[in-house]
Amino acid sequence: MNIGEIKKKYNKLLRRYRNAERWIDDPERTKDEIDKHYGNFINIINGLNYYLGQLKKAGVDSSSKEILNGFEIKGDV
């Protein structure tokens, strides 16, 4: 996987994280619903950490802005 692919995968997973975060924060969610999907949320977090680790191994230093908001990728709108 090249750096561009890793960044795209990170961005895609970050969008899933944001959606999951909104879902969890929805006041209509019950504790049981949240608990049922807790493992999926943790898997998303682990995936984000994995991709950041892959970028670091490739010599890419990610800024706080990139970690929180995603990477700018040429050709993506």
N, C-alpha and C. Protein backbone atom coordinates (compact mmCIF):
# COMPACT_ATOMS: atom_id res chain seq x y z
N MET A 1 0.86 -1.18 0.00
CA MET A 1 0.00 0.00 0.00
C MET A 1 0.90 1.24 0.00
N ASN A 2 0.61 2.16 -0.91
CA ASN A 2 1.42 3.38 -0.94
C ASN A 2 0.82 4.44 0.00
N ILE A 3 1.53 5.53 0.18
CA ILE A 3 1.12 6.57 1.12
C ILE A 3 -0.25 7.13 0.78
N GLY A 4 -0.51 7.37 -0.50
CA GLY A 4 -1.80 7.90 -0.92
C GLY A 4 -2.95 6.96 -0.55
N GLU A 5 -2.74 5.66 -0.74
CA GLU A 5 -3.76 4.68 -0.39
C GLU A 5 -4.01 4.64 1.11
N ILE A 6 -2.94 4.72 1.88
CA ILE A 6 -3.08 4.71 3.34
C ILE A 6 -3.87 5.93 3.79
N LYS A 7 -3.55 7.09 3.22
CA LYS A 7 -4.27 8.32 3.59
C LYS A 7 -5.75 8.22 3.23
N LYS A 8 -6.06 7.65 2.07
CA LYS A 8 -7.46 7.49 1.66
C LYS A 8 -8.19 6.55 2.62
N LYS A 9 -7.55 5.46 2.98
CA LYS A 9 -8.17 4.51 3.91
C LYS A 9 -8.37 5.16 5.28
N TYR A 10 -7.39 5.95 5.71
CA TYR A 10 -7.52 6.66 6.98
C TYR A 10 -8.71 7.62 6.92
N ASN A 11 -8.80 8.40 5.85
CA ASN A 11 -9.90 9.37 5.72
C ASN A 11 -11.25 8.67 5.73
N LYS A 12 -11.34 7.55 5.03
CA LYS A 12 -12.60 6.80 4.98
C LYS A 12 -12.98 6.31 6.38
N LEU A 13 -12.01 5.79 7.10
CA LEU A 13 -12.26 5.30 8.46
C LEU A 13 -12.57 6.44 9.41
N LEU A 14 -11.94 7.59 9.20
CA LEU A 14 -12.22 8.76 10.02
C LEU A 14 -13.68 9.21 9.84
N ARG A 15 -14.18 9.12 8.61
CA ARG A 15 -15.60 9.44 8.38
C ARG A 15 -16.50 8.47 9.13
N ARG A 16 -16.14 7.19 9.12
CA ARG A 16 -16.91 6.19 9.89
C ARG A 16 -16.87 6.53 11.38
N TYR A 17 -15.70 6.94 11.86
CA TYR A 17 -15.55 7.32 13.27
C TYR A 17 -16.48 8.49 13.61
N ARG A 18 -16.48 9.50 12.76
CA ARG A 18 -17.34 10.67 13.00
C ARG A 18 -18.82 10.27 13.00
N ASN A 19 -19.21 9.42 12.07
CA ASN A 19 -20.60 8.94 12.04
C ASN A 19 -20.94 8.15 13.30
N ALA A 20 -20.02 7.29 13.72
CA ALA A 20 -20.24 6.50 14.93
C ALA A 20 -20.33 7.41 16.15
N GLU A 21 -19.50 8.41 16.18
CA GLU A 21 -19.50 9.37 17.29
C GLU A 21 -20.85 10.08 17.38
N ARG A 22 -21.36 10.52 16.24
CA ARG A 22 -22.68 11.18 16.22
C ARG A 22 -23.78 10.20 16.65
N TRP A 23 -23.68 8.97 16.19
CA TRP A 23 -24.67 7.95 16.54
C TRP A 23 -24.67 7.71 18.05
N ILE A 24 -23.48 7.58 18.62
CA ILE A 24 -23.36 7.35 20.06
C ILE A 24 -23.89 8.54 20.85
N ASP A 25 -23.62 9.74 20.38
CA ASP A 25 -24.03 10.96 21.09
C ASP A 25 -25.51 11.28 20.94
N ASP A 26 -26.21 10.58 20.06
CA ASP A 26 -27.65 10.80 19.87
C ASP A 26 -28.38 10.45 21.16
N PRO A 27 -29.13 11.41 21.73
CA PRO A 27 -29.80 11.16 23.00
C PRO A 27 -30.84 10.03 22.93
N GLU A 28 -31.25 9.65 21.73
CA GLU A 28 -32.22 8.56 21.61
C GLU A 28 -31.58 7.18 21.75
N ARG A 29 -30.23 7.12 21.72
CA ARG A 29 -29.54 5.84 21.87
C ARG A 29 -29.63 5.37 23.31
N THR A 30 -29.92 4.08 23.46
CA THR A 30 -29.92 3.49 24.80
C THR A 30 -28.53 2.96 25.10
N LYS A 31 -28.27 2.76 26.36
CA LYS A 31 -26.98 2.19 26.77
C LYS A 31 -26.79 0.81 26.16
N ASP A 32 -27.86 0.03 26.10
CA ASP A 32 -27.77 -1.31 25.50
C ASP A 32 -27.39 -1.25 24.02
N GLU A 33 -27.96 -0.29 23.28
CA GLU A 33 -27.62 -0.13 21.87
C GLU A 33 -26.14 0.24 21.72
N ILE A 34 -25.70 1.16 22.54
CA ILE A 34 -24.30 1.59 22.48
C ILE A 34 -23.38 0.44 22.84
N ASP A 35 -23.71 -0.27 23.91
CA ASP A 35 -22.88 -1.41 24.34
C ASP A 35 -22.79 -2.48 23.25
N LYS A 36 -23.89 -2.69 22.53
CA LYS A 36 -23.93 -3.70 21.48
C LYS A 36 -22.91 -3.40 20.38
N HIS A 37 -22.69 -2.13 20.09
CA HIS A 37 -21.80 -1.73 18.99
C HIS A 37 -20.45 -1.21 19.47
N TYR A 38 -20.19 -1.31 20.76
CA TYR A 38 -18.95 -0.79 21.34
C TYR A 38 -17.72 -1.41 20.66
N GLY A 39 -17.76 -2.71 20.41
CA GLY A 39 -16.62 -3.39 19.77
C GLY A 39 -16.31 -2.83 18.40
N ASN A 40 -17.36 -2.50 17.64
CA ASN A 40 -17.15 -1.90 16.31
C ASN A 40 -16.46 -0.55 16.43
N PHE A 41 -16.87 0.24 17.43
CA PHE A 41 -16.27 1.55 17.64
C PHE A 41 -14.78 1.40 17.98
N ILE A 42 -14.47 0.45 18.83
CA ILE A 42 -13.06 0.20 19.19
C ILE A 42 -12.27 -0.26 17.96
N ASN A 43 -12.87 -1.08 17.11
CA ASN A 43 -12.19 -1.52 15.88
C ASN A 43 -11.88 -0.35 14.97
N ILE A 44 -12.78 0.61 14.89
CA ILE A 44 -12.54 1.80 14.08
C ILE A 44 -11.34 2.57 14.64
N ILE A 45 -11.31 2.76 15.95
CA ILE A 45 -10.19 3.47 16.59
C ILE A 45 -8.88 2.73 16.35
N ASN A 46 -8.90 1.41 16.50
CA ASN A 46 -7.69 0.62 16.25
C ASN A 46 -7.24 0.75 14.80
N GLY A 47 -8.19 0.79 13.87
CA GLY A 47 -7.85 0.96 12.46
C GLY A 47 -7.20 2.31 12.19
N LEU A 48 -7.74 3.35 12.80
CA LEU A 48 -7.14 4.68 12.64
C LEU A 48 -5.70 4.68 13.15
N ASN A 49 -5.49 4.08 14.31
CA ASN A 49 -4.14 4.00 14.87
C ASN A 49 -3.22 3.18 13.97
N TYR A 50 -3.74 2.11 13.39
CA TYR A 50 -2.95 1.28 12.49
C TYR A 50 -2.46 2.11 11.30
N TYR A 51 -3.37 2.84 10.66
CA TYR A 51 -2.98 3.62 9.48
C TYR A 51 -2.01 4.74 9.85
N LEU A 52 -2.19 5.36 11.01
CA LEU A 52 -1.22 6.37 11.44
C LEU A 52 0.16 5.74 11.65
N GLY A 53 0.18 4.53 12.20
CA GLY A 53 1.44 3.80 12.38
C GLY A 53 2.10 3.48 11.04
N GLN A 54 1.29 3.09 10.06
CA GLN A 54 1.82 2.79 8.72
C GLN A 54 2.42 4.04 8.09
N LEU A 55 1.75 5.17 8.27
CA LEU A 55 2.28 6.43 7.74
C LEU A 55 3.60 6.78 8.42
N LYS A 56 3.65 6.60 9.73
CA LYS A 56 4.88 6.91 10.47
C LYS A 56 6.03 6.02 9.99
N LYS A 57 5.74 4.72 9.79
CA LYS A 57 6.77 3.80 9.28
C LYS A 57 7.28 4.23 7.91
N ALA A 58 6.39 4.86 7.13
CA ALA A 58 6.76 5.33 5.78
C ALA A 58 7.45 6.69 5.83
N GLY A 59 7.65 7.23 7.04
CA GLY A 59 8.35 8.50 7.18
C GLY A 59 7.46 9.72 7.12
N VAL A 60 6.15 9.53 7.21
CA VAL A 60 5.21 10.65 7.16
C VAL A 60 4.88 11.08 8.58
N ASP A 61 5.17 12.34 8.90
CA ASP A 61 4.79 12.90 10.19
C ASP A 61 3.43 13.58 10.02
N SER A 62 2.42 13.04 10.66
CA SER A 62 1.06 13.56 10.55
C SER A 62 0.86 14.69 11.55
N SER A 63 0.28 15.78 11.08
CA SER A 63 0.00 16.91 11.97
C SER A 63 -1.27 16.62 12.76
N SER A 64 -1.46 17.35 13.84
CA SER A 64 -2.69 17.22 14.63
C SER A 64 -3.91 17.50 13.77
N LYS A 65 -3.80 18.49 12.90
CA LYS A 65 -4.91 18.85 12.01
C LYS A 65 -5.26 17.67 11.10
N GLU A 66 -4.25 17.01 10.55
CA GLU A 66 -4.50 15.86 9.67
C GLU A 66 -5.11 14.70 10.44
N ILE A 67 -4.63 14.47 11.65
CA ILE A 67 -5.15 13.38 12.46
C ILE A 67 -6.62 13.62 12.80
N LEU A 68 -6.95 14.85 13.12
CA LEU A 68 -8.33 15.17 13.53
C LEU A 68 -9.28 15.35 12.36
N ASN A 69 -8.78 15.88 11.23
CA ASN A 69 -9.66 16.25 10.12
C ASN A 69 -9.45 15.44 8.85
N GLY A 70 -8.43 14.62 8.81
CA GLY A 70 -8.14 13.84 7.62
C GLY A 70 -7.07 14.50 6.77
N PHE A 71 -6.61 13.76 5.80
CA PHE A 71 -5.53 14.21 4.93
C PHE A 71 -6.09 14.79 3.64
N GLU A 72 -5.45 15.85 3.17
CA GLU A 72 -5.79 16.39 1.85
C GLU A 72 -5.12 15.49 0.82
N ILE A 73 -5.91 15.05 -0.13
CA ILE A 73 -5.39 14.17 -1.17
C ILE A 73 -5.69 14.80 -2.52
N LYS A 74 -4.65 14.99 -3.31
CA LYS A 74 -4.83 15.61 -4.63
C LYS A 74 -5.84 14.80 -5.44
N GLY A 75 -6.75 15.52 -6.08
CA GLY A 75 -7.76 14.87 -6.89
C GLY A 75 -9.05 14.58 -6.15
N ASP A 76 -9.01 14.63 -4.81
CA ASP A 76 -10.23 14.43 -4.02
C ASP A 76 -10.89 15.77 -3.77
N VAL A 77 -12.18 15.77 -3.81
CA VAL A 77 -12.93 17.01 -3.56
C VAL A 77 -13.55 16.93 -2.20
